[in-house]
C-alpha atoms as a PDB file:
ATOM      1  CA  UNK A   1      -0.008  -0.201  -0.004  1.00  0.00           C
ATOM      2  CA  UNK A   2       1.728   3.646  -0.892  1.00  0.00           C
ATOM      3  CA  UNK A   3       0.319   6.813   0.188  1.00  0.00           C
ATOM      4  CA  UNK A   4       0.623   9.700  -2.007  1.00  0.00           C
ATOM      5  CA  UNK A   5      -0.498  12.678  -2.389  1.00  0.00           C
ATOM      6  CA  UNK A   6      -2.930  12.460   0.366  1.00  0.00           C
ATOM      7  CA  UNK A   7      -4.474   9.554  -1.038  1.00  0.00           C
ATOM      8  CA  UNK A   8      -4.152   6.028  -0.701  1.00  0.00           C
ATOM      9  CA  UNK A   9      -4.025   2.868  -2.975  1.00  0.00           C
ATOM     10  CA  UNK A  10      -3.376  -0.401  -2.553  1.00  0.00           C
ATOM     11  CA  UNK A  11      -1.775  -3.021  -4.941  1.00  0.00           C
ATOM     12  CA  UNK A  12      -2.470  -6.282  -5.278  1.00  0.00           C
ATOM     13  CA  UNK A  13       0.219  -8.846  -6.210  1.00  0.00           C
ATOM     14  CA  UNK A  14      -1.366 -11.849  -7.975  1.00  0.00           C
ATOM     15  CA  UNK A  15      -4.935 -13.288  -8.409  1.00  0.00           C
ATOM     16  CA  UNK A  16      -6.321 -15.534  -6.439  1.00  0.00           C
ATOM     17  CA  UNK A  17      -4.688 -18.878  -6.433  1.00  0.00           C
ATOM     18  CA  UNK A  18      -6.206 -22.181  -8.207  1.00  0.00           C
ATOM     19  CA  UNK A  19      -5.684 -23.791  -4.142  1.00  0.00           C
ATOM     20  CA  UNK A  20      -7.290 -20.982  -2.542  1.00  0.00           C
ATOM     21  CA  UNK A  21     -10.391 -21.353  -5.105  1.00  0.00           C
ATOM     22  CA  UNK A  22     -11.047 -24.687  -4.674  1.00  0.00           C
ATOM     23  CA  UNK A  23     -10.739 -23.770  -0.856  1.00  0.00           C
ATOM     24  CA  UNK A  24     -13.775 -21.333  -1.130  1.00  0.00           C
ATOM     25  CA  UNK A  25     -15.737 -23.791  -3.654  1.00  0.00           C
ATOM     26  CA  UNK A  26     -15.250 -26.632  -1.199  1.00  0.00           C
ATOM     27  CA  UNK A  27     -16.814 -24.503   1.334  1.00  0.00           C
ATOM     28  CA  UNK A  28     -19.734 -23.323  -0.853  1.00  0.00           C
ATOM     29  CA  UNK A  29     -20.614 -26.694  -1.729  1.00  0.00           C
ATOM     30  CA  UNK A  30     -20.521 -28.332   1.706  1.00  0.00           C
ATOM     31  CA  UNK A  31     -22.864 -25.124   2.860  1.00  0.00           C
ATOM     32  CA  UNK A  32     -25.249 -25.846   0.074  1.00  0.00           C
ATOM     33  CA  UNK A  33     -25.562 -29.756   0.591  1.00  0.00           C
ATOM     34  CA  UNK A  34     -25.695 -28.997   4.481  1.00  0.00           C
ATOM     35  CA  UNK A  35     -29.029 -26.329   3.514  1.00  0.00           C
ATOM     36  CA  UNK A  36     -30.146 -29.348   1.226  1.00  0.00           C
ATOM     37  CA  UNK A  37     -30.633 -32.097   3.741  1.00  0.00           C
ATOM     38  CA  UNK A  38     -31.839 -29.772   6.712  1.00  0.00           C
ATOM     39  CA  UNK A  39     -34.213 -28.604   4.329  1.00  0.00           C
ATOM     40  CA  UNK A  40     -35.272 -32.444   3.545  1.00  0.00           C
ATOM     41  CA  UNK A  41     -35.756 -33.271   7.075  1.00  0.00           C
ATOM     42  CA  UNK A  42     -37.690 -30.126   8.017  1.00  0.00           C
ATOM     43  CA  UNK A  43     -40.052 -30.547   5.327  1.00  0.00           C
ATOM     44  CA  UNK A  44     -39.833 -34.528   5.242  1.00  0.00           C
ATOM     45  CA  UNK A  45     -43.529 -34.938   6.323  1.00  0.00           C
ATOM     46  CA  UNK A  46     -44.216 -32.911   3.333  1.00  0.00           C
ATOM     47  CA  UNK A  47     -41.992 -34.496   0.647  1.00  0.00           C
ATOM     48  CA  UNK A  48     -42.757 -38.048   1.543  1.00  0.00           C
ATOM     49  CA  UNK A  49     -46.860 -37.064   1.830  1.00  0.00           C
ATOM     50  CA  UNK A  50     -46.238 -35.431  -1.775  1.00  0.00           C
ATOM     51  CA  UNK A  51     -44.844 -39.418  -3.341  1.00  0.00           C
ATOM     52  CA  UNK A  52     -47.744 -40.682  -1.804  1.00  0.00           C
ATOM     53  CA  UNK A  53     -50.635 -38.432  -3.245  1.00  0.00           C
ATOM     54  CA  UNK A  54     -48.869 -38.498  -6.679  1.00  0.00           C
ATOM     55  CA  UNK A  55     -49.992 -42.452  -6.831  1.00  0.00           C
ATOM     56  CA  UNK A  56     -53.175 -40.793  -6.297  1.00  0.00           C
ATOM     57  CA  UNK A  57     -53.920 -38.646  -8.647  1.00  0.00           C
ATOM     58  CA  UNK A  58     -56.067 -39.082 -11.632  1.00  0.00           C
ATOM     59  CA  UNK A  59     -57.407 -36.774 -14.016  1.00  0.00           C
ATOM     60  CA  UNK A  60     -61.454 -36.658 -13.878  1.00  0.00           C
ATOM     61  CA  UNK A  61     -64.373 -35.116 -15.035  1.00  0.00           C
ATOM     62  CA  UNK A  62     -67.190 -34.814 -13.333  1.00  0.00           C
ATOM     63  CA  UNK A  63     -69.712 -38.125 -13.966  1.00  0.00           C
ATOM     64  CA  UNK A  64     -72.598 -37.401 -16.133  1.00  0.00           C
ATOM     65  CA  UNK A  65     -76.199 -39.056 -16.398  1.00  0.00           C
ATOM     66  CA  UNK A  66     -74.526 -40.962 -19.466  1.00  0.00           C
ATOM     67  CA  UNK A  67     -72.382 -42.865 -17.174  1.00  0.00           C
ATOM     68  CA  UNK A  68     -74.290 -46.469 -16.566  1.00  0.00           C
ATOM     69  CA  UNK A  69     -71.082 -48.507 -16.512  1.00  0.00           C
ATOM     70  CA  UNK A  70     -68.494 -48.988 -13.646  1.00  0.00           C
ATOM     71  CA  UNK A  71     -65.641 -51.316 -14.170  1.00  0.00           C
ATOM     72  CA  UNK A  72     -64.232 -52.889 -11.103  1.00  0.00           C
ATOM     73  CA  UNK A  73     -60.646 -53.852 -11.490  1.00  0.00           C
ATOM     74  CA  UNK A  74     -59.345 -57.282 -10.075  1.00  0.00           C
ATOM     75  CA  UNK A  75     -56.842 -57.716  -6.946  1.00  0.00           C
ATOM     76  CA  UNK A  76     -57.448 -56.914  -2.899  1.00  0.00           C
ATOM     77  CA  UNK A  77     -61.181 -57.876  -4.202  1.00  0.00           C
ATOM     78  CA  UNK A  78     -62.579 -57.288  -0.527  1.00  0.00           C
ATOM     79  CA  UNK A  79     -61.814 -53.793  -0.025  1.00  0.00           C
ATOM     80  CA  UNK A  80     -62.429 -52.746  -3.934  1.00  0.00           C
ATOM     81  CA  UNK A  81     -65.674 -54.435  -4.043  1.00  0.00           C
ATOM     82  CA  UNK A  82     -66.407 -52.843  -0.433  1.00  0.00           C
ATOM     83  CA  UNK A  83     -65.319 -49.390  -2.203  1.00  0.00           C
ATOM     84  CA  UNK A  84     -67.708 -50.552  -5.364  1.00  0.00           C
ATOM     85  CA  UNK A  85     -70.702 -50.982  -3.420  1.00  0.00           C
ATOM     86  CA  UNK A  86     -70.749 -47.509  -1.730  1.00  0.00           C
ATOM     87  CA  UNK A  87     -70.668 -46.474  -5.284  1.00  0.00           C
ATOM     88  CA  UNK A  88     -73.354 -48.288  -6.755  1.00  0.00           C
ATOM     89  CA  UNK A  89     -75.566 -47.112  -3.753  1.00  0.00           C
ATOM     90  CA  UNK A  90     -74.562 -43.254  -4.712  1.00  0.00           C
ATOM     91  CA  UNK A  91     -74.983 -44.426  -8.063  1.00  0.00           C
ATOM     92  CA  UNK A  92     -78.260 -46.717  -8.078  1.00  0.00           C
ATOM     93  CA  UNK A  93     -79.251 -47.090 -11.869  1.00  0.00           C
ATOM     94  CA  UNK A  94     -75.608 -48.145 -12.691  1.00  0.00           C
ATOM     95  CA  UNK A  95     -74.497 -51.736 -13.816  1.00  0.00           C
ATOM     96  CA  UNK A  96     -71.183 -53.052 -12.078  1.00  0.00           C
ATOM     97  CA  UNK A  97     -68.375 -55.048 -14.583  1.00  0.00           C
ATOM     98  CA  UNK A  98     -66.096 -57.002 -12.321  1.00  0.00           C
ATOM     99  CA  UNK A  99     -62.714 -58.191 -14.294  1.00  0.00           C
ATOM    100  CA  UNK A 100     -59.809 -60.201 -13.803  1.00  0.00           C
ATOM    101  CA  UNK A 101     -59.068 -63.649 -13.899  1.00  0.00           C
ATOM    102  CA  UNK A 102     -56.286 -64.011 -11.601  1.00  0.00           C
ATOM    103  CA  UNK A 103     -56.078 -66.924  -9.532  1.00  0.00           C
ATOM    104  CA  UNK A 104     -57.117 -66.297  -5.787  1.00  0.00           C
ATOM    105  CA  UNK A 105     -54.487 -65.925  -2.970  1.00  0.00           C
ATOM    106  CA  UNK A 106     -52.830 -69.234  -1.485  1.00  0.00           C
ATOM    107  CA  UNK A 107     -55.128 -68.931   1.725  1.00  0.00           C
ATOM    108  CA  UNK A 108     -58.446 -69.059   0.071  1.00  0.00           C
ATOM    109  CA  UNK A 109     -57.535 -72.126  -1.836  1.00  0.00           C
ATOM    110  CA  UNK A 110     -56.698 -73.940   1.344  1.00  0.00           C
ATOM    111  CA  UNK A 111     -60.380 -73.395   2.305  1.00  0.00           C
ATOM    112  CA  UNK A 112     -61.261 -74.566  -0.614  1.00  0.00           C
ATOM    113  CA  UNK A 113     -62.026 -71.248  -2.272  1.00  0.00           C
ATOM    114  CA  UNK A 114     -61.403 -71.329  -5.722  1.00  0.00           C
ATOM    115  CA  UNK A 115     -62.455 -68.057  -7.501  1.00  0.00           C
ATOM    116  CA  UNK A 116     -60.846 -65.857  -9.769  1.00  0.00           C
ATOM    117  CA  UNK A 117     -60.564 -62.025  -8.808  1.00  0.00           C
ATOM    118  CA  UNK A 118     -63.599 -61.311 -10.814  1.00  0.00           C
ATOM    119  CA  UNK A 119     -65.586 -63.648  -8.447  1.00  0.00           C
ATOM    120  CA  UNK A 120     -64.164 -62.780  -5.532  1.00  0.00           C
ATOM    121  CA  UNK A 121     -65.192 -58.878  -6.204  1.00  0.00           C
ATOM    122  CA  UNK A 122     -68.644 -59.801  -7.120  1.00  0.00           C
ATOM    123  CA  UNK A 123     -69.075 -61.737  -4.108  1.00  0.00           C
ATOM    124  CA  UNK A 124     -68.024 -59.185  -2.044  1.00  0.00           C
ATOM    125  CA  UNK A 125     -70.286 -56.985  -3.559  1.00  0.00           C
ATOM    126  CA  UNK A 126     -73.477 -59.235  -3.510  1.00  0.00           C
ATOM    127  CA  UNK A 127     -72.496 -59.545   0.477  1.00  0.00           C
ATOM    128  CA  UNK A 128     -72.517 -55.741   0.932  1.00  0.00           C
ATOM    129  CA  UNK A 129     -76.318 -55.516  -0.314  1.00  0.00           C
ATOM    130  CA  UNK A 130     -75.845 -54.918  -4.132  1.00  0.00           C
ATOM    131  CA  UNK A 131     -78.510 -56.851  -6.232  1.00  0.00           C
ATOM    132  CA  UNK A 132     -76.428 -59.834  -7.835  1.00  0.00           C
ATOM    133  CA  UNK A 133     -78.192 -58.578 -11.214  1.00  0.00           C
ATOM    134  CA  UNK A 134     -76.602 -55.083 -11.339  1.00  0.00           C
ATOM    135  CA  UNK A 135     -73.278 -57.009 -11.034  1.00  0.00           C
ATOM    136  CA  UNK A 136     -71.577 -59.355 -14.000  1.00  0.00           C
ATOM    137  CA  UNK A 137     -67.913 -60.326 -14.962  1.00  0.00           C
ATOM    138  CA  UNK A 138     -65.795 -59.733 -17.635  1.00  0.00           C
ATOM    139  CA  UNK A 139     -62.996 -62.145 -19.349  1.00  0.00           C
ATOM    140  CA  UNK A 140     -59.589 -63.109 -18.423  1.00  0.00           C
ATOM    141  CA  UNK A 141     -56.874 -60.657 -17.384  1.00  0.00           C
ATOM    142  CA  UNK A 142     -54.516 -61.151 -15.149  1.00  0.00           C
ATOM    143  CA  UNK A 143     -52.686 -57.693 -15.567  1.00  0.00           C
ATOM    144  CA  UNK A 144     -54.070 -53.802 -15.284  1.00  0.00           C
ATOM    145  CA  UNK A 145     -52.751 -53.543 -19.101  1.00  0.00           C
ATOM    146  CA  UNK A 146     -54.946 -56.817 -19.928  1.00  0.00           C
ATOM    147  CA  UNK A 147     -57.976 -55.420 -18.520  1.00  0.00           C
ATOM    148  CA  UNK A 148     -57.848 -51.732 -19.840  1.00  0.00           C
ATOM    149  CA  UNK A 149     -57.699 -54.037 -23.366  1.00  0.00           C
ATOM    150  CA  UNK A 150     -60.657 -56.235 -21.989  1.00  0.00           C
ATOM    151  CA  UNK A 151     -62.555 -52.950 -21.553  1.00  0.00           C
ATOM    152  CA  UNK A 152     -61.933 -51.026 -24.517  1.00  0.00           C
ATOM    153  CA  UNK A 153     -63.038 -53.825 -26.721  1.00  0.00           C
ATOM    154  CA  UNK A 154     -66.381 -54.207 -24.449  1.00  0.00           C
ATOM    155  CA  UNK A 155     -66.868 -50.503 -24.844  1.00  0.00           C
ATOM    156  CA  UNK A 156     -66.841 -50.678 -28.721  1.00  0.00           C
ATOM    157  CA  UNK A 157     -68.643 -53.663 -29.005  1.00  0.00           C
ATOM    158  CA  UNK A 158     -71.225 -52.243 -26.792  1.00  0.00           C
ATOM    159  CA  UNK A 159     -71.134 -48.713 -27.940  1.00  0.00           C
ATOM    160  CA  UNK A 160     -69.953 -47.325 -24.818  1.00  0.00           C
ATOM    161  CA  UNK A 161     -68.988 -43.496 -24.655  1.00  0.00           C
ATOM    162  CA  UNK A 162     -68.595 -42.988 -20.978  1.00  0.00           C
ATOM    163  CA  UNK A 163     -67.600 -45.221 -18.298  1.00  0.00           C
ATOM    164  CA  UNK A 164     -66.119 -45.488 -14.684  1.00  0.00           C
ATOM    165  CA  UNK A 165     -63.085 -47.736 -13.663  1.00  0.00           C
ATOM    166  CA  UNK A 166     -62.832 -48.001 -10.144  1.00  0.00           C
ATOM    167  CA  UNK A 167     -59.580 -49.665  -8.342  1.00  0.00           C
ATOM    168  CA  UNK A 168     -57.359 -49.166  -4.907  1.00  0.00           C
ATOM    169  CA  UNK A 169     -56.847 -45.121  -4.777  1.00  0.00           C
ATOM    170  CA  UNK A 170     -52.688 -46.323  -4.871  1.00  0.00           C
ATOM    171  CA  UNK A 171     -53.368 -47.678  -8.617  1.00  0.00           C
ATOM    172  CA  UNK A 172     -54.811 -44.633  -9.980  1.00  0.00           C
ATOM    173  CA  UNK A 173     -52.002 -42.527 -11.479  1.00  0.00           C
ATOM    174  CA  UNK A 174     -50.912 -46.109 -12.811  1.00  0.00           C
ATOM    175  CA  UNK A 175     -54.937 -46.459 -14.485  1.00  0.00           C
ATOM    176  CA  UNK A 176     -54.674 -43.099 -15.702  1.00  0.00           C
ATOM    177  CA  UNK A 177     -51.655 -43.768 -17.752  1.00  0.00           C
ATOM    178  CA  UNK A 178     -52.556 -47.114 -19.366  1.00  0.00           C
ATOM    179  CA  UNK A 179     -56.469 -46.077 -20.263  1.00  0.00           C
ATOM    180  CA  UNK A 180     -55.966 -42.540 -21.397  1.00  0.00           C
ATOM    181  CA  UNK A 181     -54.856 -42.198 -24.637  1.00  0.00           C
ATOM    182  CA  UNK A 182     -56.117 -45.470 -26.051  1.00  0.00           C
ATOM    183  CA  UNK A 183     -59.998 -44.360 -24.655  1.00  0.00           C
ATOM    184  CA  UNK A 184     -59.499 -41.126 -26.313  1.00  0.00           C
ATOM    185  CA  UNK A 185     -58.600 -42.155 -29.361  1.00  0.00           C
ATOM    186  CA  UNK A 186     -61.735 -43.951 -29.347  1.00  0.00           C
ATOM    187  CA  UNK A 187     -63.403 -41.155 -27.982  1.00  0.00           C
ATOM    188  CA  UNK A 188     -64.266 -42.881 -24.584  1.00  0.00           C
ATOM    189  CA  UNK A 189     -64.864 -41.038 -21.652  1.00  0.00           C
ATOM    190  CA  UNK A 190     -63.377 -42.683 -18.333  1.00  0.00           C
ATOM    191  CA  UNK A 191     -63.694 -41.870 -14.880  1.00  0.00           C
ATOM    192  CA  UNK A 192     -61.304 -42.718 -12.126  1.00  0.00           C
ATOM    193  CA  UNK A 193     -63.258 -43.879  -8.702  1.00  0.00           C
ATOM    194  CA  UNK A 194     -59.848 -44.998  -5.807  1.00  0.00           C
ATOM    195  CA  UNK A 195     -61.309 -46.808  -2.981  1.00  0.00           C
ATOM    196  CA  UNK A 196     -59.390 -47.223   0.627  1.00  0.00           C
ATOM    197  CA  UNK A 197     -57.081 -49.474   1.179  1.00  0.00           C
ATOM    198  CA  UNK A 198     -55.240 -50.799   4.925  1.00  0.00           C
ATOM    199  CA  UNK A 199     -51.594 -51.447   3.208  1.00  0.00           C
ATOM    200  CA  UNK A 200     -51.891 -47.600   2.021  1.00  0.00           C
ATOM    201  CA  UNK A 201     -51.948 -44.128   3.418  1.00  0.00           C
ATOM    202  CA  UNK A 202     -50.875 -41.158   1.468  1.00  0.00           C
ATOM    203  CA  UNK A 203     -49.906 -39.148   4.085  1.00  0.00           C
ATOM    204  CA  UNK A 204     -48.112 -41.693   6.216  1.00  0.00           C
ATOM    205  CA  UNK A 205     -47.211 -44.729   4.211  1.00  0.00           C
ATOM    206  CA  UNK A 206     -43.602 -44.529   5.106  1.00  0.00           C
ATOM    207  CA  UNK A 207     -44.265 -45.504   8.845  1.00  0.00           C
ATOM    208  CA  UNK A 208     -45.699 -48.693   8.867  1.00  0.00           C
ATOM    209  CA  UNK A 209     -44.369 -51.974   6.535  1.00  0.00           C
ATOM    210  CA  UNK A 210     -47.124 -52.795   4.227  1.00  0.00           C
ATOM    211  CA  UNK A 211     -47.042 -48.791   3.526  1.00  0.00           C
ATOM    212  CA  UNK A 212     -43.366 -48.927   2.537  1.00  0.00           C
ATOM    213  CA  UNK A 213     -44.257 -52.441   0.470  1.00  0.00           C
ATOM    214  CA  UNK A 214     -46.973 -51.272  -1.302  1.00  0.00           C
ATOM    215  CA  UNK A 215     -45.793 -47.807  -2.172  1.00  0.00           C
ATOM    216  CA  UNK A 216     -42.406 -48.967  -3.455  1.00  0.00           C
ATOM    217  CA  UNK A 217     -44.140 -51.680  -5.344  1.00  0.00           C
ATOM    218  CA  UNK A 218     -46.523 -49.527  -7.048  1.00  0.00           C
ATOM    219  CA  UNK A 219     -43.739 -46.910  -8.194  1.00  0.00           C
ATOM    220  CA  UNK A 220     -41.846 -50.084 -10.052  1.00  0.00           C
ATOM    221  CA  UNK A 221     -44.731 -51.084 -11.672  1.00  0.00           C
ATOM    222  CA  UNK A 222     -44.949 -47.097 -12.379  1.00  0.00           C
ATOM    223  CA  UNK A 223     -41.562 -47.444 -14.164  1.00  0.00           C
ATOM    224  CA  UNK A 224     -42.534 -50.840 -15.582  1.00  0.00           C
ATOM    225  CA  UNK A 225     -45.072 -49.555 -17.935  1.00  0.00           C
ATOM    226  CA  UNK A 226     -43.184 -46.273 -18.666  1.00  0.00           C
ATOM    227  CA  UNK A 227     -41.282 -48.797 -20.868  1.00  0.00           C
ATOM    228  CA  UNK A 228     -43.234 -51.553 -21.316  1.00  0.00           C
ATOM    229  CA  UNK A 229     -46.480 -50.090 -22.864  1.00  0.00           C
END
């Protein structure tokens, strides 16, 4: 530093070295990383809840009077059957078609109950007080994609332009992926209804084992369907 005619000047001998710059960046990266993980911890419940709610989101417009056919997908027949029975009470003029030709659980086989998924769901709805004439069965599909193909063929053959599809709530986002485009191409309006399940709670799925398994399984299936279909 030099003083010349009452003015002070500061001279820098050189620019910061590469080592000094790296050291500064090291502290910046460390600070950003710590901040990121602190934010994750503070907002962990909201983030995890968002992960759960993502599975339950499916675009679905309001049901119109022309919607007289509900398809109840196979799997988890007890809970989906109960949920479908509630919808049958809410929409008393509609018909319900249960899908799914998958085998029954080993526990049911042990009791001598060899029912398909569709038969099990229909049985549950009837036991909930729904008139058996309102509930029928369809096909032998063993996956969501196969069910969508069967339902699409049924809609075309029966000239249906508006339907509803019932499944577990955590299944809805994948449903919208599978049903959306091909039904839209045929000008068929699809509504989605999700039923509650004891193995999944969007706001707390990470707090119990069944919720963890259900959520991870559904995300794996989402990825699989993205690449497969």
